[in-house]
Protein backbone atom coordinates (compact mmCIF):
# COMPACT_ATOMS: atom_id res chain seq x y z
CA UNK A 1 7.83 263.24 72.30
CA UNK A 2 4.91 260.74 72.23
CA UNK A 3 6.00 257.18 73.05
CA UNK A 4 5.19 255.84 69.58
CA UNK A 5 7.90 258.06 68.07
CA UNK A 6 10.51 257.40 70.74
CA UNK A 7 13.77 256.04 69.34
CA UNK A 8 15.53 253.14 71.05
CA UNK A 9 18.86 253.73 72.71
CA UNK A 10 21.58 254.44 70.19
CA UNK A 11 23.81 251.44 69.45
CA UNK A 12 26.80 253.78 69.88
CA UNK A 13 28.80 252.35 66.99
CA UNK A 14 32.56 252.90 66.94
CA UNK A 15 35.69 251.83 65.08
CA UNK A 16 35.10 248.22 66.18
CA UNK A 17 31.64 248.14 64.58
CA UNK A 18 30.61 247.06 61.10
CA UNK A 19 27.44 248.11 59.30
CA UNK A 20 26.15 246.31 56.21
CA UNK A 21 24.47 248.73 53.81
CA UNK A 22 22.31 247.18 51.10
CA UNK A 23 22.07 249.51 48.12
CA UNK A 24 24.76 251.71 46.55
CA UNK A 25 22.63 254.55 45.26
CA UNK A 26 22.81 258.06 46.68
CA UNK A 27 21.35 257.02 50.05
CA UNK A 28 23.67 254.08 50.61
CA UNK A 29 26.75 255.92 49.32
CA UNK A 30 26.10 258.97 51.50
CA UNK A 31 25.63 256.72 54.52
CA UNK A 32 28.86 254.86 53.77
CA UNK A 33 30.63 258.20 53.56
CA UNK A 34 29.12 259.51 56.81
CA UNK A 35 29.89 256.33 58.75
CA UNK A 36 33.41 256.33 57.32
CA UNK A 37 33.93 259.86 58.64
CA UNK A 38 32.92 258.51 62.06
CA UNK A 39 35.42 255.62 61.78
CA UNK A 40 32.76 252.91 61.46
CA UNK A 41 33.58 250.03 59.11
CA UNK A 42 31.11 249.62 56.25
CA UNK A 43 30.24 246.66 54.05
CA UNK A 44 28.40 248.04 51.00
CA UNK A 45 26.42 245.66 48.78
CA UNK A 46 24.52 246.19 45.53
CA UNK A 47 23.14 243.90 42.85
CA UNK A 48 24.48 246.24 40.16
CA UNK A 49 28.04 246.24 38.81
CA UNK A 50 29.01 249.27 40.88
CA UNK A 51 27.74 252.38 42.63
CA UNK A 52 24.75 254.22 41.12
CA UNK A 53 23.75 251.42 38.77
CA UNK A 54 20.02 252.06 39.24
CA UNK A 55 17.96 255.26 39.72
CA UNK A 56 20.95 257.24 41.06
CA UNK A 57 22.92 256.62 37.87
CA UNK A 58 21.63 259.58 35.89
CA UNK A 59 24.12 262.03 34.43
CA UNK A 60 22.37 265.07 35.92
CA UNK A 61 20.23 265.88 38.93
CA UNK A 62 18.65 269.15 40.02
CA UNK A 63 19.83 270.72 43.28
CA UNK A 64 17.20 272.99 44.82
CA UNK A 65 15.10 273.09 47.99
CA UNK A 66 11.49 271.97 47.92
CA UNK A 67 9.19 274.81 48.97
CA UNK A 68 5.44 275.09 49.47
CA UNK A 69 2.95 277.94 49.64
CA UNK A 70 2.21 277.17 53.29
CA UNK A 71 5.52 276.48 54.96
CA UNK A 72 5.47 273.51 57.32
CA UNK A 73 7.68 270.75 58.69
CA UNK A 74 8.12 269.12 55.29
CA UNK A 75 9.50 272.31 53.76
CA UNK A 76 11.66 272.92 56.83
CA UNK A 77 13.21 269.48 56.35
CA UNK A 78 13.86 269.99 52.65
CA UNK A 79 15.35 273.44 53.13
CA UNK A 80 17.63 272.11 55.88
CA UNK A 81 18.59 269.18 53.65
CA UNK A 82 19.47 271.55 50.80
CA UNK A 83 21.69 273.64 53.08
CA UNK A 84 23.33 270.49 54.44
CA UNK A 85 24.07 269.20 50.94
CA UNK A 86 25.72 272.47 49.90
CA UNK A 87 27.81 272.40 53.08
CA UNK A 88 28.89 268.80 52.51
CA UNK A 89 29.81 269.42 48.88
CA UNK A 90 31.95 272.33 50.03
CA UNK A 91 33.45 271.08 53.30
CA UNK A 92 34.16 267.55 52.07
CA UNK A 93 35.52 268.79 48.73
CA UNK A 94 32.92 266.83 46.80
CA UNK A 95 31.64 269.65 44.59
CA UNK A 96 34.29 269.17 41.94
CA UNK A 97 34.03 265.38 41.99
CA UNK A 98 30.25 265.64 41.57
CA UNK A 99 30.47 268.25 38.83
CA UNK A 100 28.35 270.65 40.87
CA UNK A 101 27.34 273.75 38.90
CA UNK A 102 25.82 276.60 40.91
CA UNK A 103 23.89 277.87 37.93
CA UNK A 104 20.75 278.86 39.81
CA UNK A 105 17.31 277.28 39.43
CA UNK A 106 14.07 278.94 38.33
CA UNK A 107 10.91 277.07 39.33
CA UNK A 108 7.94 278.02 37.14
CA UNK A 109 4.52 278.41 38.75
CA UNK A 110 1.05 278.73 37.26
CA UNK A 111 -0.25 281.31 39.72
CA UNK A 112 1.07 284.10 41.89
CA UNK A 113 3.17 283.20 44.91
CA UNK A 114 2.86 285.20 48.11
CA UNK A 115 5.96 287.30 48.69
CA UNK A 116 8.33 285.81 51.25
CA UNK A 117 11.48 287.25 52.74
CA UNK A 118 13.36 283.98 52.31
CA UNK A 119 12.51 283.51 48.61
CA UNK A 120 13.14 285.48 45.42
CA UNK A 121 9.68 285.52 43.84
CA UNK A 122 9.51 286.49 40.13
CA UNK A 123 6.67 287.80 38.00
CA UNK A 124 6.39 286.73 34.36
CA UNK A 125 8.86 289.32 33.15
CA UNK A 126 11.20 288.45 35.97
CA UNK A 127 11.12 284.80 34.89
CA UNK A 128 12.00 285.68 31.30
CA UNK A 129 14.73 288.09 32.37
CA UNK A 130 16.31 285.66 34.85
CA UNK A 131 16.20 282.79 32.36
CA UNK A 132 17.41 285.18 29.63
CA UNK A 133 14.86 283.97 27.07
CA UNK A 134 11.90 285.24 25.10
CA UNK A 135 8.99 282.83 25.57
CA UNK A 136 5.84 284.01 23.78
CA UNK A 137 3.81 280.99 24.90
CA UNK A 138 4.51 281.42 28.60
CA UNK A 139 1.19 281.95 30.38
CA UNK A 140 0.40 285.58 31.21
CA UNK A 141 -0.25 284.58 34.84
CA UNK A 142 2.97 282.60 35.15
CA UNK A 143 5.32 283.41 38.02
CA UNK A 144 8.41 281.75 39.40
CA UNK A 145 10.80 281.34 42.28
CA UNK A 146 14.53 281.79 41.81
CA UNK A 147 17.04 279.78 43.86
CA UNK A 148 20.45 281.38 43.20
CA UNK A 149 22.28 278.73 45.25
CA UNK A 150 20.68 275.89 43.29
CA UNK A 151 22.04 274.17 40.24
CA UNK A 152 22.83 270.66 39.10
CA UNK A 153 25.32 267.87 39.66
CA UNK A 154 26.21 264.41 38.36
CA UNK A 155 24.67 261.87 40.80
CA UNK A 156 26.59 258.99 39.28
CA UNK A 157 29.95 260.73 39.76
CA UNK A 158 28.95 261.78 43.28
CA UNK A 159 28.17 258.18 44.27
CA UNK A 160 31.54 256.96 42.99
CA UNK A 161 33.35 259.73 44.87
CA UNK A 162 31.49 258.98 48.11
CA UNK A 163 32.35 255.28 47.96
CA UNK A 164 35.98 255.98 47.11
CA UNK A 165 36.32 258.22 50.16
CA UNK A 166 34.47 255.92 52.53
CA UNK A 167 36.99 253.04 52.44
CA UNK A 168 34.00 250.71 52.44
CA UNK A 169 34.32 247.02 51.72
CA UNK A 170 32.25 246.57 48.55
CA UNK A 171 30.37 243.62 47.07
CA UNK A 172 28.77 244.35 43.71
CA UNK A 173 27.19 242.33 40.94
CA UNK A 174 24.87 240.03 42.93
CA UNK A 175 21.68 240.41 45.00
CA UNK A 176 22.09 240.55 48.75
CA UNK A 177 19.96 238.30 50.94
CA UNK A 178 19.33 239.37 54.55
CA UNK A 179 18.10 236.73 57.01
CA UNK A 180 17.73 236.75 60.81
CA UNK A 181 20.04 234.67 62.97
CA UNK A 182 19.67 233.34 66.50
CA UNK A 183 22.61 235.40 67.76
CA UNK A 184 21.65 238.61 69.62
CA UNK A 185 25.11 240.08 69.12
CA UNK A 186 24.94 239.47 65.33
CA UNK A 187 21.24 239.21 64.51
CA UNK A 188 21.48 239.39 60.71
CA UNK A 189 23.20 237.29 58.08
CA UNK A 190 24.24 239.07 54.91
CA UNK A 191 24.77 236.80 51.92
CA UNK A 192 25.55 237.28 48.26
CA UNK A 193 27.76 235.64 45.67
CA UNK A 194 30.91 236.98 47.36
CA UNK A 195 30.02 237.23 51.06
CA UNK A 196 28.27 235.37 53.86
CA UNK A 197 28.63 237.10 57.19
CA UNK A 198 26.73 237.69 60.41
CA UNK A 199 26.55 241.36 61.37
CA UNK A 200 25.10 243.46 64.18
CA UNK A 201 23.56 246.15 61.97
CA UNK A 202 21.96 246.26 58.53
CA UNK A 203 20.67 249.34 56.73
CA UNK A 204 18.34 248.80 53.78
CA UNK A 205 18.98 251.57 51.25
CA UNK A 206 17.94 249.63 48.17
CA UNK A 207 15.12 251.71 46.68
CA UNK A 208 11.76 249.97 46.19
CA UNK A 209 13.27 246.76 47.57
CA UNK A 210 13.39 248.17 51.11
CA UNK A 211 9.90 246.67 51.55
CA UNK A 212 10.86 243.21 50.30
CA UNK A 213 11.65 241.71 53.72
CA UNK A 214 8.88 240.40 55.98
CA UNK A 215 10.00 242.85 58.66
CA UNK A 216 9.62 245.84 56.31
CA UNK A 217 6.68 244.71 54.17
CA UNK A 218 4.41 247.27 55.87
CA UNK A 219 6.32 250.17 54.33
CA UNK A 220 4.07 251.88 51.75
CA UNK A 221 6.71 252.17 49.07
CA UNK A 222 5.58 252.55 45.47
CA UNK A 223 8.02 252.12 42.57
CA UNK A 224 7.87 254.91 40.03
CA UNK A 225 9.60 254.72 36.67
CA UNK A 226 11.20 257.87 35.31
CA UNK A 227 13.01 258.60 32.05
CA UNK A 228 15.27 261.52 31.21
CA UNK A 229 16.39 262.49 27.71
CA UNK A 230 19.30 264.46 26.31
CA UNK A 231 18.92 266.80 23.33
CA UNK A 232 21.47 268.72 21.30
CA UNK A 233 21.31 272.52 21.18
CA UNK A 234 20.91 273.22 17.48
CA UNK A 235 20.24 276.87 18.21
CA UNK A 236 19.64 279.02 21.26
CA UNK A 237 16.14 280.12 22.30
CA UNK A 238 15.22 283.65 21.40
CA UNK A 239 16.76 286.07 23.87
CA UNK A 240 15.05 288.46 26.17
CA UNK A 241 15.74 292.01 25.04
CA UNK A 242 18.28 292.69 27.81
CA UNK A 243 19.86 289.21 27.86
CA UNK A 244 23.55 288.61 27.40
CA UNK A 245 24.71 286.58 24.42
CA UNK A 246 26.11 283.66 26.44
CA UNK A 247 24.14 280.37 26.34
CA UNK A 248 21.22 279.93 28.72
CA UNK A 249 22.65 278.40 31.90
CA UNK A 250 19.78 278.44 34.40
CA UNK A 251 18.13 275.19 35.40
CA UNK A 252 14.40 275.57 34.75
CA UNK A 253 11.77 273.41 36.45
CA UNK A 254 8.01 273.06 36.15
CA UNK A 255 6.06 269.97 35.15
CA UNK A 256 9.42 268.94 33.66
CA UNK A 257 12.92 270.16 34.36
CA UNK A 258 15.71 271.23 32.02
CA UNK A 259 19.43 271.15 32.80
CA UNK A 260 21.91 272.80 30.39
CA UNK A 261 24.97 270.54 30.61
CA UNK A 262 27.95 269.86 28.36
CA UNK A 263 26.58 271.91 25.49
CA UNK A 264 23.33 269.93 25.52
CA UNK A 265 20.06 269.94 27.43
CA UNK A 266 18.81 267.17 29.68
CA UNK A 267 15.09 267.07 30.35
CA UNK A 268 12.96 264.92 32.61
CA UNK A 269 11.39 263.24 34.13
CA UNK A 270 8.48 261.05 33.22
CA UNK A 271 6.57 259.44 36.07
CA UNK A 272 4.83 256.06 35.90
CA UNK A 273 3.73 254.51 39.18
CA UNK A 274 4.00 250.76 39.76
CA UNK A 275 6.33 250.28 36.78
CA UNK A 276 9.71 248.55 37.06
CA UNK A 277 10.70 248.48 33.40
CA UNK A 278 13.85 250.48 32.65
CA UNK A 279 13.85 250.13 28.86
CA UNK A 280 13.91 253.47 27.04
CA UNK A 281 10.55 254.38 25.50
CA UNK A 282 10.03 256.63 22.49
CA UNK A 283 6.73 257.85 23.92
CA UNK A 284 8.59 259.14 26.96
CA UNK A 285 11.14 260.83 24.74
CA UNK A 286 8.26 262.58 22.98
CA UNK A 287 6.84 263.63 26.35
CA UNK A 288 10.17 265.06 27.46
CA UNK A 289 10.62 266.80 24.12
CA UNK A 290 7.25 268.50 24.56
CA UNK A 291 8.11 269.35 28.16
CA UNK A 292 11.37 271.01 27.10
CA UNK A 293 9.56 273.05 24.48
CA UNK A 294 7.00 274.18 27.07
CA UNK A 295 9.74 275.20 29.52
CA UNK A 296 11.86 277.24 27.11
CA UNK A 297 9.46 278.05 24.28
CA UNK A 298 11.92 276.53 21.84
CA UNK A 299 12.01 273.41 19.66
CA UNK A 300 14.52 270.86 21.03
CA UNK A 301 17.40 269.81 18.83
CA UNK A 302 18.60 266.35 17.84
CA UNK A 303 17.94 263.57 20.34
CA UNK A 304 21.19 262.24 21.81
CA UNK A 305 20.43 259.75 24.58
CA UNK A 306 17.90 258.55 27.14
CA UNK A 307 17.95 256.66 30.42
CA UNK A 308 15.20 255.27 32.66
CA UNK A 309 15.30 254.31 36.34
CA UNK A 310 12.91 253.28 39.08
CA UNK A 311 12.53 255.42 42.19
CA UNK A 312 10.93 254.53 45.53
CA UNK A 313 8.11 256.90 46.48
CA UNK A 314 6.08 257.31 49.66
CA UNK A 315 2.54 258.69 50.15
CA UNK A 316 3.77 261.90 51.82
CA UNK A 317 6.94 262.20 49.71
CA UNK A 318 9.14 262.09 52.82
CA UNK A 319 11.81 259.40 53.20
CA UNK A 320 12.00 256.56 55.70
CA UNK A 321 14.96 257.01 58.04
CA UNK A 322 15.71 254.98 61.14
CA UNK A 323 15.18 251.69 62.96
CA UNK A 324 12.36 249.30 62.04
CA UNK A 325 9.79 248.18 64.62
CA UNK A 326 7.77 244.99 64.87
CA UNK A 327 4.48 245.95 63.22
CA UNK A 328 2.51 243.07 64.73
CA UNK A 329 3.39 244.25 68.23
CA UNK A 330 2.72 247.89 67.29
CA UNK A 331 -0.72 247.16 65.87
CA UNK A 332 -1.73 245.40 69.06
CA UNK A 333 -0.27 248.04 71.38
CA UNK A 334 -1.79 250.99 69.50
CA UNK A 335 -5.13 249.54 68.45
CA UNK A 336 -7.06 251.97 70.67
CA UNK A 337 -5.01 255.06 69.89
CA UNK A 338 -8.13 256.79 68.52
CA UNK A 339 -9.96 256.48 71.87
CA UNK A 340 -8.49 259.64 73.40
CA UNK A 341 -6.41 258.01 76.12
CA UNK A 342 -3.32 259.92 77.34
CA UNK A 343 -0.01 259.28 75.60
CA UNK A 344 1.54 257.43 78.52
CA UNK A 345 -1.08 254.70 78.06
CA UNK A 346 0.71 253.47 74.96
CA UNK A 347 3.90 251.49 74.68
CA UNK A 348 7.05 252.51 72.88
CA UNK A 349 7.77 250.65 69.62
CA UNK A 350 9.36 247.21 69.85
CA UNK A 351 12.30 247.64 67.48
CA UNK A 352 14.11 244.85 65.66
CA UNK A 353 17.65 244.54 66.87
CA UNK A 354 20.00 246.14 64.33
CA UNK A 355 17.59 246.61 61.39
CA UNK A 356 17.29 250.08 59.84
CA UNK A 357 16.04 251.67 56.62
CA UNK A 358 17.13 254.66 54.57
CA UNK A 359 14.86 255.00 51.55
CA UNK A 360 11.70 256.26 49.91
CA UNK A 361 13.40 259.34 48.48
CA UNK A 362 11.44 259.44 45.23
CA UNK A 363 12.69 262.22 42.96
CA UNK A 364 14.03 264.31 45.86
CA UNK A 365 16.97 262.14 46.88
CA UNK A 366 19.50 264.41 45.16
CA UNK A 367 18.87 266.92 47.96
CA UNK A 368 17.55 264.87 50.89
CA UNK A 369 19.75 261.75 50.87
CA UNK A 370 22.82 263.47 52.31
CA UNK A 371 21.02 264.97 55.31
CA UNK A 372 19.02 261.81 55.96
CA UNK A 373 22.20 259.73 55.93
CA UNK A 374 23.90 262.17 58.30
CA UNK A 375 20.97 262.02 60.73
CA UNK A 376 21.02 258.22 60.74
CA UNK A 377 24.80 257.95 61.00
CA UNK A 378 25.02 260.36 63.91
CA UNK A 379 22.25 258.54 65.78
CA UNK A 380 23.89 255.16 65.17
CA UNK A 381 27.12 256.54 66.62
CA UNK A 382 25.39 258.34 69.53
CA UNK A 383 26.33 261.79 68.28
CA UNK A 384 22.97 263.28 69.01
CA UNK A 385 23.08 266.62 67.25
CA UNK A 386 24.64 268.04 64.13
CA UNK A 387 26.17 271.50 63.97
CA UNK A 388 22.72 273.12 63.77
CA UNK A 389 21.21 271.22 66.67
CA UNK A 390 19.17 268.84 64.50
CA UNK A 391 19.11 265.14 65.27
CA UNK A 392 17.12 262.11 64.11
CA UNK A 393 14.74 262.30 67.09
CA UNK A 394 13.74 265.85 66.18
CA UNK A 395 12.56 264.65 62.74
CA UNK A 396 11.38 261.15 63.63
CA UNK A 397 7.66 261.94 63.52
CA UNK A 398 8.16 262.91 59.86
CA UNK A 399 10.75 260.24 58.93
CA UNK A 400 9.81 257.22 61.04
CA UNK A 401 9.40 253.97 59.08
CA UNK A 402 6.25 253.26 61.10
CA UNK A 403 4.62 256.69 60.84
CA UNK A 404 1.82 255.39 58.59
CA UNK A 405 0.94 252.72 61.16
CA UNK A 406 0.59 255.54 63.70
CA UNK A 407 -1.62 257.53 61.32
CA UNK A 408 -3.87 254.53 60.77
CA UNK A 409 -4.02 253.93 64.53
CA UNK A 410 -5.09 257.52 65.18
CA UNK A 411 -7.89 257.12 62.64
CA UNK A 412 -9.06 253.79 64.08
CA UNK A 413 -8.05 251.82 61.00
CA UNK A 414 -5.87 249.15 62.59
CA UNK A 415 -8.81 246.91 63.44
CA UNK A 416 -9.63 246.64 59.74
CA UNK A 417 -6.18 245.45 58.69
CA UNK A 418 -5.39 241.78 58.49
CA UNK A 419 -2.12 240.02 59.03
CA UNK A 420 0.97 241.15 60.95
CA UNK A 421 2.44 242.88 57.90
CA UNK A 422 -0.73 244.26 56.32
CA UNK A 423 -0.19 246.58 53.37
CA UNK A 424 -1.87 249.92 53.10
């Protein structure tokens, strides 16, 4: 492991420890649950009135692994995260609480996918047969991938269940302010309308706001607004010739996604970078309506509801998981990383005492938040490996909060940045 991706010693948290988690979306709620399972006390804070009041508060979310044509570390992480989520929903008895439906997911593609032993690749007819629909407008070259173990769940209900089982102390309804103290044993003060306390460890899991502190301002997090809409099923799409007469139950994804839930169809999601507005927009409803028609080849029924949220995205679409380092020190120590000197020439990161992040999940947090939270929780408690031998260190090159500083250093870009917390 190169020194710039070396983790500090684990703080080895135990039942005497308390961790303040800022943000009660999927990331924060999963972390509260994982730390609770390890007997660590949790103080969970969120500006909203309760869990899942922001982007994680949608009624449906798609559960499927992210796959690519050329399998690499990113796909390996997402596939492992998908398996971990299914295990957690089963082992922890959360599937029922989260309304998890293993309906299967069909991902539509515009061109042929190379056959792989680990994937069920479909041709055009296979797509129509698996989805049980007749879709005359589906492109002749269209193919798909079927994930039988995929489906959908209710993220909002899942967050509430995770918090209820974590026994976390909760503070909702007011923004949390995190400030450094002069006490090494309790280096952070957590304040809101109902709490003011010095703590040893803080985890920022608050979406786009993870970059709002001076210590985390270097994180290249971009807010992205997304709206989902719910439509009635006035009539079923035309059936494939050999389809059964039961309603279409598969989740279908492409440029949009469609979830058949509660006798209706949810469709999403729009994507507008750098937008924080969560008001429902009719133009987005129209976009989702058109997307649903393109997916199923059928005119959507009556519009029922809509909801918009803001997600935190990263340039490589991988989350930030782990401790935060001092960027000013890192920029100085790694300023000649592009000169070809051996690894041992460079210093390890200088990490802030007790400051960690868990965010940047974008639209993939349904699947990746649980595994990311488990990796962080096990490292915090010095339980190095999970049941499959994976630990935070093994993924830290892909998940490190300072990985983009390293990439800039390797390309000789650090000399062109100004200020200790320069933005990309």
